[in-house]
Amino acid sequence: MSRPDTIANLKAVPLFQNCSARQLRRIANLGRESTFEAGRNLCEEGKFSKEFFVILEGHAEVRRGGRKRGTLGSGDYQPPAFAHSAIEIVASPARITP
């Protein structure tokens, strides 16, 4: 995905919708896009995550104690505060900007 596409995707995320074009470029430059296969854990239950994920395509399951607690989809984000949930990608491929 091109940088302009990434910036457009970030603008669609409610958290970033009031950011200026300059701010969005800066946010896009601080991150990187990654594609994950189905079943890939992005953070482990009980572990603190230092990364911030924005889901650009696909979806992820939020699990606690092995049970599904919710689903994150395109435009959703996972802040580092999800320290006690395991997030597992369930769509293939999923593209995420950490």
C-alpha atoms as a PDB file:
ATOM      1  CA  MET A   1       0.000   0.000   0.000  1.00  0.00           C
ATOM      2  CA  SER A   2       1.310   3.457  -0.831  1.00  0.00           C
ATOM      3  CA  ARG A   3       1.917   6.098   1.829  1.00  0.00           C
ATOM      4  CA  PRO A   4      -1.045   8.220   0.559  1.00  0.00           C
ATOM      5  CA  ASP A   5      -3.296   5.149   0.928  1.00  0.00           C
ATOM      6  CA  THR A   6      -2.012   4.578   4.449  1.00  0.00           C
ATOM      7  CA  ILE A   7      -2.698   8.210   5.334  1.00  0.00           C
ATOM      8  CA  ALA A   8      -6.238   7.930   3.926  1.00  0.00           C
ATOM      9  CA  ASN A   9      -6.814   4.764   5.974  1.00  0.00           C
ATOM     10  CA  LEU A  10      -5.544   6.463   9.130  1.00  0.00           C
ATOM     11  CA  LYS A  11      -7.856   9.430   8.496  1.00  0.00           C
ATOM     12  CA  ALA A  12     -10.807   6.996   8.485  1.00  0.00           C
ATOM     13  CA  VAL A  13      -9.957   5.811  12.017  1.00  0.00           C
ATOM     14  CA  PRO A  14     -12.063   7.833  14.502  1.00  0.00           C
ATOM     15  CA  LEU A  15      -9.026   8.371  16.734  1.00  0.00           C
ATOM     16  CA  PHE A  16      -7.233  10.228  13.911  1.00  0.00           C
ATOM     17  CA  GLN A  17     -10.129  11.852  12.029  1.00  0.00           C
ATOM     18  CA  ASN A  18      -9.422  15.348  13.395  1.00  0.00           C
ATOM     19  CA  CYS A  19      -5.701  15.231  12.619  1.00  0.00           C
ATOM     20  CA  SER A  20      -4.270  17.579  10.022  1.00  0.00           C
ATOM     21  CA  ALA A  21      -2.613  16.252   6.863  1.00  0.00           C
ATOM     22  CA  ARG A  22       0.768  17.050   8.405  1.00  0.00           C
ATOM     23  CA  GLN A  23      -0.070  15.142  11.594  1.00  0.00           C
ATOM     24  CA  LEU A  24      -1.303  12.138   9.589  1.00  0.00           C
ATOM     25  CA  ARG A  25       1.925  12.094   7.539  1.00  0.00           C
ATOM     26  CA  ARG A  26       3.925  12.139  10.752  1.00  0.00           C
ATOM     27  CA  ILE A  27       1.881   9.289  12.245  1.00  0.00           C
ATOM     28  CA  ALA A  28       2.267   7.271   9.037  1.00  0.00           C
ATOM     29  CA  ASN A  29       6.026   7.874   9.069  1.00  0.00           C
ATOM     30  CA  LEU A  30       6.314   6.650  12.658  1.00  0.00           C
ATOM     31  CA  GLY A  31       4.669   3.325  11.884  1.00  0.00           C
ATOM     32  CA  ARG A  32       5.080   0.503   9.436  1.00  0.00           C
ATOM     33  CA  GLU A  33       2.670  -1.779   7.641  1.00  0.00           C
ATOM     34  CA  SER A  34       2.846  -5.501   8.250  1.00  0.00           C
ATOM     35  CA  THR A  35       0.805  -8.400   6.920  1.00  0.00           C
ATOM     36  CA  PHE A  36       0.019 -11.274   9.274  1.00  0.00           C
ATOM     37  CA  GLU A  37      -1.206 -14.763   8.493  1.00  0.00           C
ATOM     38  CA  ALA A  38      -4.298 -16.204  10.154  1.00  0.00           C
ATOM     39  CA  GLY A  39      -3.699 -17.373  13.712  1.00  0.00           C
ATOM     40  CA  ARG A  40      -0.770 -15.057  14.426  1.00  0.00           C
ATOM     41  CA  ASN A  41      -0.759 -13.663  17.982  1.00  0.00           C
ATOM     42  CA  LEU A  42       0.019  -9.971  18.181  1.00  0.00           C
ATOM     43  CA  CYS A  43       0.175  -9.874  21.961  1.00  0.00           C
ATOM     44  CA  GLU A  44      -0.008 -12.544  24.623  1.00  0.00           C
ATOM     45  CA  GLU A  45      -2.501 -12.622  27.425  1.00  0.00           C
ATOM     46  CA  GLY A  46      -1.008 -11.155  30.591  1.00  0.00           C
ATOM     47  CA  LYS A  47       1.890  -9.513  28.732  1.00  0.00           C
ATOM     48  CA  PHE A  48       2.215  -5.772  28.237  1.00  0.00           C
ATOM     49  CA  SER A  49       2.369  -4.665  24.612  1.00  0.00           C
ATOM     50  CA  LYS A  50       4.479  -1.615  23.736  1.00  0.00           C
ATOM     51  CA  GLU A  51       3.004  -1.347  20.239  1.00  0.00           C
ATOM     52  CA  PHE A  52      -0.108   0.366  18.985  1.00  0.00           C
ATOM     53  CA  PHE A  53      -1.908  -1.480  16.177  1.00  0.00           C
ATOM     54  CA  VAL A  54      -4.360  -0.071  13.641  1.00  0.00           C
ATOM     55  CA  ILE A  55      -6.109  -2.707  11.529  1.00  0.00           C
ATOM     56  CA  LEU A  56      -6.207  -1.586   7.899  1.00  0.00           C
ATOM     57  CA  GLU A  57      -7.710  -4.764   6.398  1.00  0.00           C
ATOM     58  CA  GLY A  58      -8.925  -8.044   7.830  1.00  0.00           C
ATOM     59  CA  HIS A  59      -9.875  -8.604  11.428  1.00  0.00           C
ATOM     60  CA  ALA A  60      -8.519  -9.847  14.746  1.00  0.00           C
ATOM     61  CA  GLU A  61     -10.106 -11.690  17.619  1.00  0.00           C
ATOM     62  CA  VAL A  62      -9.672 -10.460  21.172  1.00  0.00           C
ATOM     63  CA  ARG A  63      -9.336 -13.488  23.441  1.00  0.00           C
ATOM     64  CA  ARG A  64      -9.085 -13.927  27.199  1.00  0.00           C
ATOM     65  CA  GLY A  65      -8.647 -17.327  28.815  1.00  0.00           C
ATOM     66  CA  GLY A  66      -8.869 -18.932  25.376  1.00  0.00           C
ATOM     67  CA  ARG A  67     -12.382 -17.583  24.806  1.00  0.00           C
ATOM     68  CA  LYS A  68     -13.325 -15.028  22.193  1.00  0.00           C
ATOM     69  CA  ARG A  69     -14.269 -11.701  23.794  1.00  0.00           C
ATOM     70  CA  GLY A  70     -14.617  -9.530  20.712  1.00  0.00           C
ATOM     71  CA  THR A  71     -13.510  -8.769  17.186  1.00  0.00           C
ATOM     72  CA  LEU A  72     -11.495  -5.854  15.831  1.00  0.00           C
ATOM     73  CA  GLY A  73     -11.881  -4.953  12.153  1.00  0.00           C
ATOM     74  CA  SER A  74     -10.754  -2.443   9.582  1.00  0.00           C
ATOM     75  CA  GLY A  75     -10.233   0.939  11.226  1.00  0.00           C
ATOM     76  CA  ASP A  76     -10.159  -0.477  14.745  1.00  0.00           C
ATOM     77  CA  TYR A  77      -7.076  -0.136  16.867  1.00  0.00           C
ATOM     78  CA  GLN A  78      -5.450  -1.950  19.745  1.00  0.00           C
ATOM     79  CA  PRO A  79      -3.726   0.353  22.209  1.00  0.00           C
ATOM     80  CA  PRO A  80      -0.969  -0.884  24.518  1.00  0.00           C
ATOM     81  CA  ALA A  81      -3.533  -0.940  27.348  1.00  0.00           C
ATOM     82  CA  PHE A  82      -4.750  -4.359  26.108  1.00  0.00           C
ATOM     83  CA  ALA A  83      -2.218  -5.885  28.502  1.00  0.00           C
ATOM     84  CA  HIS A  84      -4.405  -8.748  29.647  1.00  0.00           C
ATOM     85  CA  SER A  85      -5.940  -9.898  26.364  1.00  0.00           C
ATOM     86  CA  ALA A  86      -4.465 -12.064  23.654  1.00  0.00           C
ATOM     87  CA  ILE A  87      -5.101 -10.683  20.217  1.00  0.00           C
ATOM     88  CA  GLU A  88      -5.041 -13.222  17.461  1.00  0.00           C
ATOM     89  CA  ILE A  89      -5.412 -12.467  13.758  1.00  0.00           C
ATOM     90  CA  VAL A  90      -8.190 -14.603  12.321  1.00  0.00           C
ATOM     91  CA  ALA A  91      -8.336 -13.253   8.761  1.00  0.00           C
ATOM     92  CA  SER A  92      -5.758 -13.956   6.122  1.00  0.00           C
ATOM     93  CA  PRO A  93      -4.162 -11.797   5.040  1.00  0.00           C
ATOM     94  CA  ALA A  94      -4.545  -8.951   7.513  1.00  0.00           C
ATOM     95  CA  ARG A  95      -2.616  -5.741   7.085  1.00  0.00           C
ATOM     96  CA  ILE A  96      -1.834  -3.779  10.207  1.00  0.00           C
ATOM     97  CA  THR A  97       0.085  -0.622  10.965  1.00  0.00           C
ATOM     98  CA  PRO A  98       1.889  -0.975  14.297  1.00  0.00           C
END
